[in-house]
Amino acid sequence: MAAPDFIVVMGVSGCGKSAVAEGLATALAGTFIEADRLHSADNVERMRQGIGLTDEMRWPWLATVCETARAEPKRPVVIACSALKRSYRDFLRERLGAVRFVFLDGPREVIAERMRARPGHFATVSLLDSQIATLEPPAADEDPVRLSITRSPSEIIAEARKVLLHRQDVPG
């Protein structure tokens, strides 16, 4: 079975979206898009200051993510994107069609530790609580692939690949 055309690796900042999405794109011989690189300079500066984005700030960014993904000729397109709210995921689905979401989930302490270990990223630990408060985990009707970040990135990538290609349920 082929992978879906569009896959979004989602979760709060620091959960490992970029590493998993890039590795998954490689494993599926697809294209990787880092949605963080598509933020406006104003959005980046706001997050650098530890201030979360509003919905009004996210909609143009999400539209750019969709335009960029649709323009990629090679499939699947694997996107690292927070997609914290259902409304954001619905927006992505409306513009991209069938999208499969890989939700990276884990304990706040583990995520905070990872964020502190990545110097230079504009999303700092000060944004974590706001992201967790905003997060609406994908519901069962969204058919998410939910994976624990307590596993190694290579294990997460292998499990996500298996599920996406075979549509099997995955353990935590």
C-alpha atoms as a PDB file:
ATOM      1  CA  MET A   1       0.000   0.000   0.000  1.00  0.00           C
ATOM      2  CA  ALA A   2       1.266   3.508  -0.825  1.00  0.00           C
ATOM      3  CA  ALA A   3       1.698   6.209   1.763  1.00  0.00           C
ATOM      4  CA  PRO A   4      -0.813   9.077   1.762  1.00  0.00           C
ATOM      5  CA  ASP A   5       0.143  12.044  -0.434  1.00  0.00           C
ATOM      6  CA  PHE A   6       0.346  14.369   2.576  1.00  0.00           C
ATOM      7  CA  ILE A   7       1.537  13.467   6.061  1.00  0.00           C
ATOM      8  CA  VAL A   8       1.769  15.994   8.897  1.00  0.00           C
ATOM      9  CA  VAL A   9       3.995  15.150  11.848  1.00  0.00           C
ATOM     10  CA  MET A  10       2.414  17.224  14.588  1.00  0.00           C
ATOM     11  CA  GLY A  11       2.710  18.110  18.256  1.00  0.00           C
ATOM     12  CA  VAL A  12       3.977  20.832  20.530  1.00  0.00           C
ATOM     13  CA  SER A  13       7.304  22.534  19.989  1.00  0.00           C
ATOM     14  CA  GLY A  14      10.225  20.362  21.047  1.00  0.00           C
ATOM     15  CA  CYS A  15       8.503  16.985  20.614  1.00  0.00           C
ATOM     16  CA  GLY A  16      10.743  15.995  17.697  1.00  0.00           C
ATOM     17  CA  LYS A  17       8.526  16.836  14.728  1.00  0.00           C
ATOM     18  CA  SER A  18      11.348  17.988  12.465  1.00  0.00           C
ATOM     19  CA  ALA A  19      13.629  15.003  13.051  1.00  0.00           C
ATOM     20  CA  VAL A  20      10.789  12.510  12.694  1.00  0.00           C
ATOM     21  CA  ALA A  21       9.248  14.201   9.637  1.00  0.00           C
ATOM     22  CA  GLU A  22      12.588  14.463   7.852  1.00  0.00           C
ATOM     23  CA  GLY A  23      13.439  10.840   8.655  1.00  0.00           C
ATOM     24  CA  LEU A  24       9.973   9.688   7.615  1.00  0.00           C
ATOM     25  CA  ALA A  25      10.218  11.569   4.313  1.00  0.00           C
ATOM     26  CA  THR A  26      13.510   9.809   3.646  1.00  0.00           C
ATOM     27  CA  ALA A  27      12.086   6.406   4.652  1.00  0.00           C
ATOM     28  CA  LEU A  28       9.127   6.916   2.302  1.00  0.00           C
ATOM     29  CA  ALA A  29      11.247   8.412  -0.513  1.00  0.00           C
ATOM     30  CA  GLY A  30       9.189  11.588  -0.264  1.00  0.00           C
ATOM     31  CA  THR A  31       9.638  15.306   0.264  1.00  0.00           C
ATOM     32  CA  PHE A  32      10.196  17.023   3.617  1.00  0.00           C
ATOM     33  CA  ILE A  33       8.799  20.452   4.494  1.00  0.00           C
ATOM     34  CA  GLU A  34       9.719  22.254   7.702  1.00  0.00           C
ATOM     35  CA  ALA A  35       6.698  24.485   8.380  1.00  0.00           C
ATOM     36  CA  ASP A  36       8.652  26.584  10.889  1.00  0.00           C
ATOM     37  CA  ARG A  37      10.747  27.908   7.995  1.00  0.00           C
ATOM     38  CA  LEU A  38       7.564  29.325   6.451  1.00  0.00           C
ATOM     39  CA  HIS A  39       6.618  31.593   9.378  1.00  0.00           C
ATOM     40  CA  SER A  40       6.639  35.335   8.780  1.00  0.00           C
ATOM     41  CA  ALA A  41       9.435  37.368  10.362  1.00  0.00           C
ATOM     42  CA  ASP A  42       6.840  38.866  12.729  1.00  0.00           C
ATOM     43  CA  ASN A  43       5.703  35.424  13.877  1.00  0.00           C
ATOM     44  CA  VAL A  44       9.282  34.293  14.460  1.00  0.00           C
ATOM     45  CA  GLU A  45      10.115  37.427  16.438  1.00  0.00           C
ATOM     46  CA  ARG A  46       7.007  37.034  18.581  1.00  0.00           C
ATOM     47  CA  MET A  47       7.884  33.410  19.386  1.00  0.00           C
ATOM     48  CA  ARG A  48      11.514  34.352  20.010  1.00  0.00           C
ATOM     49  CA  GLN A  49      10.163  36.696  22.705  1.00  0.00           C
ATOM     50  CA  GLY A  50       8.257  33.771  24.245  1.00  0.00           C
ATOM     51  CA  ILE A  51       4.850  34.989  23.086  1.00  0.00           C
ATOM     52  CA  GLY A  52       2.494  32.464  21.514  1.00  0.00           C
ATOM     53  CA  LEU A  53       0.789  33.077  18.193  1.00  0.00           C
ATOM     54  CA  THR A  54      -2.881  33.923  17.816  1.00  0.00           C
ATOM     55  CA  ASP A  55      -5.178  32.172  15.364  1.00  0.00           C
ATOM     56  CA  GLU A  56      -5.081  35.275  13.148  1.00  0.00           C
ATOM     57  CA  MET A  57      -1.291  34.917  12.944  1.00  0.00           C
ATOM     58  CA  ARG A  58      -1.465  31.219  12.160  1.00  0.00           C
ATOM     59  CA  TRP A  59      -3.954  31.238   9.252  1.00  0.00           C
ATOM     60  CA  PRO A  60      -1.652  32.940   6.691  1.00  0.00           C
ATOM     61  CA  TRP A  61       1.212  30.681   7.806  1.00  0.00           C
ATOM     62  CA  LEU A  62      -0.927  27.549   7.405  1.00  0.00           C
ATOM     63  CA  ALA A  63      -2.037  28.764   3.967  1.00  0.00           C
ATOM     64  CA  THR A  64       1.636  29.118   2.989  1.00  0.00           C
ATOM     65  CA  VAL A  65       2.340  25.608   4.315  1.00  0.00           C
ATOM     66  CA  CYS A  66      -0.456  24.238   2.122  1.00  0.00           C
ATOM     67  CA  GLU A  67       0.665  26.167  -0.971  1.00  0.00           C
ATOM     68  CA  THR A  68       4.231  24.961  -0.494  1.00  0.00           C
ATOM     69  CA  ALA A  69       3.134  21.343  -0.013  1.00  0.00           C
ATOM     70  CA  ARG A  70       0.831  21.347  -3.041  1.00  0.00           C
ATOM     71  CA  ALA A  71       3.627  22.781  -5.191  1.00  0.00           C
ATOM     72  CA  GLU A  72       5.938  19.847  -4.413  1.00  0.00           C
ATOM     73  CA  PRO A  73       5.894  17.374  -7.304  1.00  0.00           C
ATOM     74  CA  LYS A  74       7.256  14.411  -5.350  1.00  0.00           C
ATOM     75  CA  ARG A  75       4.923  12.473  -3.038  1.00  0.00           C
ATOM     76  CA  PRO A  76       4.488  11.805  -0.241  1.00  0.00           C
ATOM     77  CA  VAL A  77       5.033  15.259   1.215  1.00  0.00           C
ATOM     78  CA  VAL A  78       5.881  14.973   4.907  1.00  0.00           C
ATOM     79  CA  ILE A  79       5.361  18.216   6.818  1.00  0.00           C
ATOM     80  CA  ALA A  80       6.664  19.050  10.294  1.00  0.00           C
ATOM     81  CA  CYS A  81       3.904  21.333  11.595  1.00  0.00           C
ATOM     82  CA  SER A  82       2.488  21.831  15.086  1.00  0.00           C
ATOM     83  CA  ALA A  83      -1.169  21.633  13.915  1.00  0.00           C
ATOM     84  CA  LEU A  84      -2.179  22.104  17.555  1.00  0.00           C
ATOM     85  CA  LYS A  85      -5.908  22.701  17.091  1.00  0.00           C
ATOM     86  CA  ARG A  86      -8.495  20.683  15.249  1.00  0.00           C
ATOM     87  CA  SER A  87      -9.445  23.807  13.305  1.00  0.00           C
ATOM     88  CA  TYR A  88      -5.839  24.015  12.028  1.00  0.00           C
ATOM     89  CA  ARG A  89      -5.914  20.349  11.014  1.00  0.00           C
ATOM     90  CA  ASP A  90      -9.284  20.871   9.314  1.00  0.00           C
ATOM     91  CA  PHE A  91      -7.758  23.823   7.432  1.00  0.00           C
ATOM     92  CA  LEU A  92      -4.904  21.588   6.245  1.00  0.00           C
ATOM     93  CA  ARG A  93      -7.341  18.848   5.183  1.00  0.00           C
ATOM     94  CA  GLU A  94      -9.566  21.343   3.317  1.00  0.00           C
ATOM     95  CA  ARG A  95      -6.609  22.565   1.267  1.00  0.00           C
ATOM     96  CA  LEU A  96      -4.573  19.384   0.856  1.00  0.00           C
ATOM     97  CA  GLY A  97      -7.268  16.718   0.699  1.00  0.00           C
ATOM     98  CA  ALA A  98      -6.559  13.470   2.497  1.00  0.00           C
ATOM     99  CA  VAL A  99      -3.914  14.194   5.138  1.00  0.00           C
ATOM    100  CA  ARG A 100      -2.632  11.687   7.664  1.00  0.00           C
ATOM    101  CA  PHE A 101      -1.507  13.119  10.999  1.00  0.00           C
ATOM    102  CA  VAL A 102       1.301  11.571  13.033  1.00  0.00           C
ATOM    103  CA  PHE A 103       0.888  12.930  16.566  1.00  0.00           C
ATOM    104  CA  LEU A 104       4.038  12.938  18.688  1.00  0.00           C
ATOM    105  CA  ASP A 105       3.060  12.948  22.333  1.00  0.00           C
ATOM    106  CA  GLY A 106       4.979  12.756  25.568  1.00  0.00           C
ATOM    107  CA  PRO A 107       5.623  14.124  29.029  1.00  0.00           C
ATOM    108  CA  ARG A 108       6.152  17.878  29.423  1.00  0.00           C
ATOM    109  CA  GLU A 109       9.424  17.302  31.297  1.00  0.00           C
ATOM    110  CA  VAL A 110      10.923  15.322  28.393  1.00  0.00           C
ATOM    111  CA  ILE A 111       9.853  17.968  25.883  1.00  0.00           C
ATOM    112  CA  ALA A 112      11.210  20.834  28.021  1.00  0.00           C
ATOM    113  CA  GLU A 113      14.544  19.043  28.372  1.00  0.00           C
ATOM    114  CA  ARG A 114      14.761  18.641  24.583  1.00  0.00           C
ATOM    115  CA  MET A 115      13.922  22.297  24.044  1.00  0.00           C
ATOM    116  CA  ARG A 116      16.686  23.402  26.407  1.00  0.00           C
ATOM    117  CA  ALA A 117      19.135  21.210  24.468  1.00  0.00           C
ATOM    118  CA  ARG A 118      18.525  22.945  21.123  1.00  0.00           C
ATOM    119  CA  PRO A 119      20.184  26.342  21.289  1.00  0.00           C
ATOM    120  CA  GLY A 120      19.321  28.912  18.685  1.00  0.00           C
ATOM    121  CA  HIS A 121      15.772  27.753  17.912  1.00  0.00           C
ATOM    122  CA  PHE A 122      13.235  30.578  18.099  1.00  0.00           C
ATOM    123  CA  ALA A 123      10.707  28.441  20.018  1.00  0.00           C
ATOM    124  CA  THR A 124      12.004  28.394  23.563  1.00  0.00           C
ATOM    125  CA  VAL A 125      10.836  26.560  26.674  1.00  0.00           C
ATOM    126  CA  SER A 126       8.838  29.682  27.581  1.00  0.00           C
ATOM    127  CA  LEU A 127       6.390  28.778  24.775  1.00  0.00           C
ATOM    128  CA  LEU A 128       5.844  25.193  25.916  1.00  0.00           C
ATOM    129  CA  ASP A 129       3.055  25.812  28.435  1.00  0.00           C
ATOM    130  CA  SER A 130       1.151  27.965  25.952  1.00  0.00           C
ATOM    131  CA  GLN A 131       1.502  25.246  23.306  1.00  0.00           C
ATOM    132  CA  ILE A 132       0.325  22.553  25.716  1.00  0.00           C
ATOM    133  CA  ALA A 133      -2.649  24.740  26.691  1.00  0.00           C
ATOM    134  CA  THR A 134      -3.527  25.249  23.011  1.00  0.00           C
ATOM    135  CA  LEU A 135      -3.097  21.588  22.024  1.00  0.00           C
ATOM    136  CA  GLU A 136      -6.259  19.735  21.074  1.00  0.00           C
ATOM    137  CA  PRO A 137      -5.005  16.170  20.606  1.00  0.00           C
ATOM    138  CA  PRO A 138      -6.400  14.570  17.454  1.00  0.00           C
ATOM    139  CA  ALA A 139      -9.628  12.684  18.066  1.00  0.00           C
ATOM    140  CA  ALA A 140     -10.249   9.115  16.937  1.00  0.00           C
ATOM    141  CA  ASP A 141     -12.346  10.321  13.983  1.00  0.00           C
ATOM    142  CA  GLU A 142      -9.219  12.062  12.636  1.00  0.00           C
ATOM    143  CA  ASP A 143      -7.497   8.654  12.364  1.00  0.00           C
ATOM    144  CA  PRO A 144      -4.198   9.870  13.839  1.00  0.00           C
ATOM    145  CA  VAL A 145      -1.062   7.820  14.216  1.00  0.00           C
ATOM    146  CA  ARG A 146      -0.215   8.544  17.863  1.00  0.00           C
ATOM    147  CA  LEU A 147       3.346   7.797  18.918  1.00  0.00           C
ATOM    148  CA  SER A 148       5.204   8.347  22.169  1.00  0.00           C
ATOM    149  CA  ILE A 149       8.294  10.532  22.102  1.00  0.00           C
ATOM    150  CA  THR A 150       9.823   8.401  24.832  1.00  0.00           C
ATOM    151  CA  ARG A 151      11.005   6.080  22.071  1.00  0.00           C
ATOM    152  CA  SER A 152      14.031   6.834  19.916  1.00  0.00           C
ATOM    153  CA  PRO A 153      13.508   8.846  16.715  1.00  0.00           C
ATOM    154  CA  SER A 154      14.493   5.829  14.597  1.00  0.00           C
ATOM    155  CA  GLU A 155      11.882   3.683  16.385  1.00  0.00           C
ATOM    156  CA  ILE A 156       9.230   6.368  15.920  1.00  0.00           C
ATOM    157  CA  ILE A 157      10.073   6.721  12.221  1.00  0.00           C
ATOM    158  CA  ALA A 158       9.991   2.947  11.667  1.00  0.00           C
ATOM    159  CA  GLU A 159       6.649   2.592  13.464  1.00  0.00           C
ATOM    160  CA  ALA A 160       5.098   5.550  11.648  1.00  0.00           C
ATOM    161  CA  ARG A 161       6.273   4.176   8.297  1.00  0.00           C
ATOM    162  CA  LYS A 162       4.813   0.762   9.075  1.00  0.00           C
ATOM    163  CA  VAL A 163       1.449   2.193  10.096  1.00  0.00           C
ATOM    164  CA  LEU A 164       1.234   4.625   7.193  1.00  0.00           C
ATOM    165  CA  LEU A 165       1.998   1.897   4.674  1.00  0.00           C
ATOM    166  CA  HIS A 166      -0.083  -0.832   6.282  1.00  0.00           C
ATOM    167  CA  ARG A 167      -2.726   1.148   8.204  1.00  0.00           C
ATOM    168  CA  GLN A 168      -2.233  -0.927  11.350  1.00  0.00           C
ATOM    169  CA  ASP A 169      -2.893   0.293  14.882  1.00  0.00           C
ATOM    170  CA  VAL A 170       0.146   1.188  16.917  1.00  0.00           C
ATOM    171  CA  PRO A 171       0.892   0.810  20.581  1.00  0.00           C
ATOM    172  CA  GLY A 172       1.445   4.047  22.607  1.00  0.00           C
END
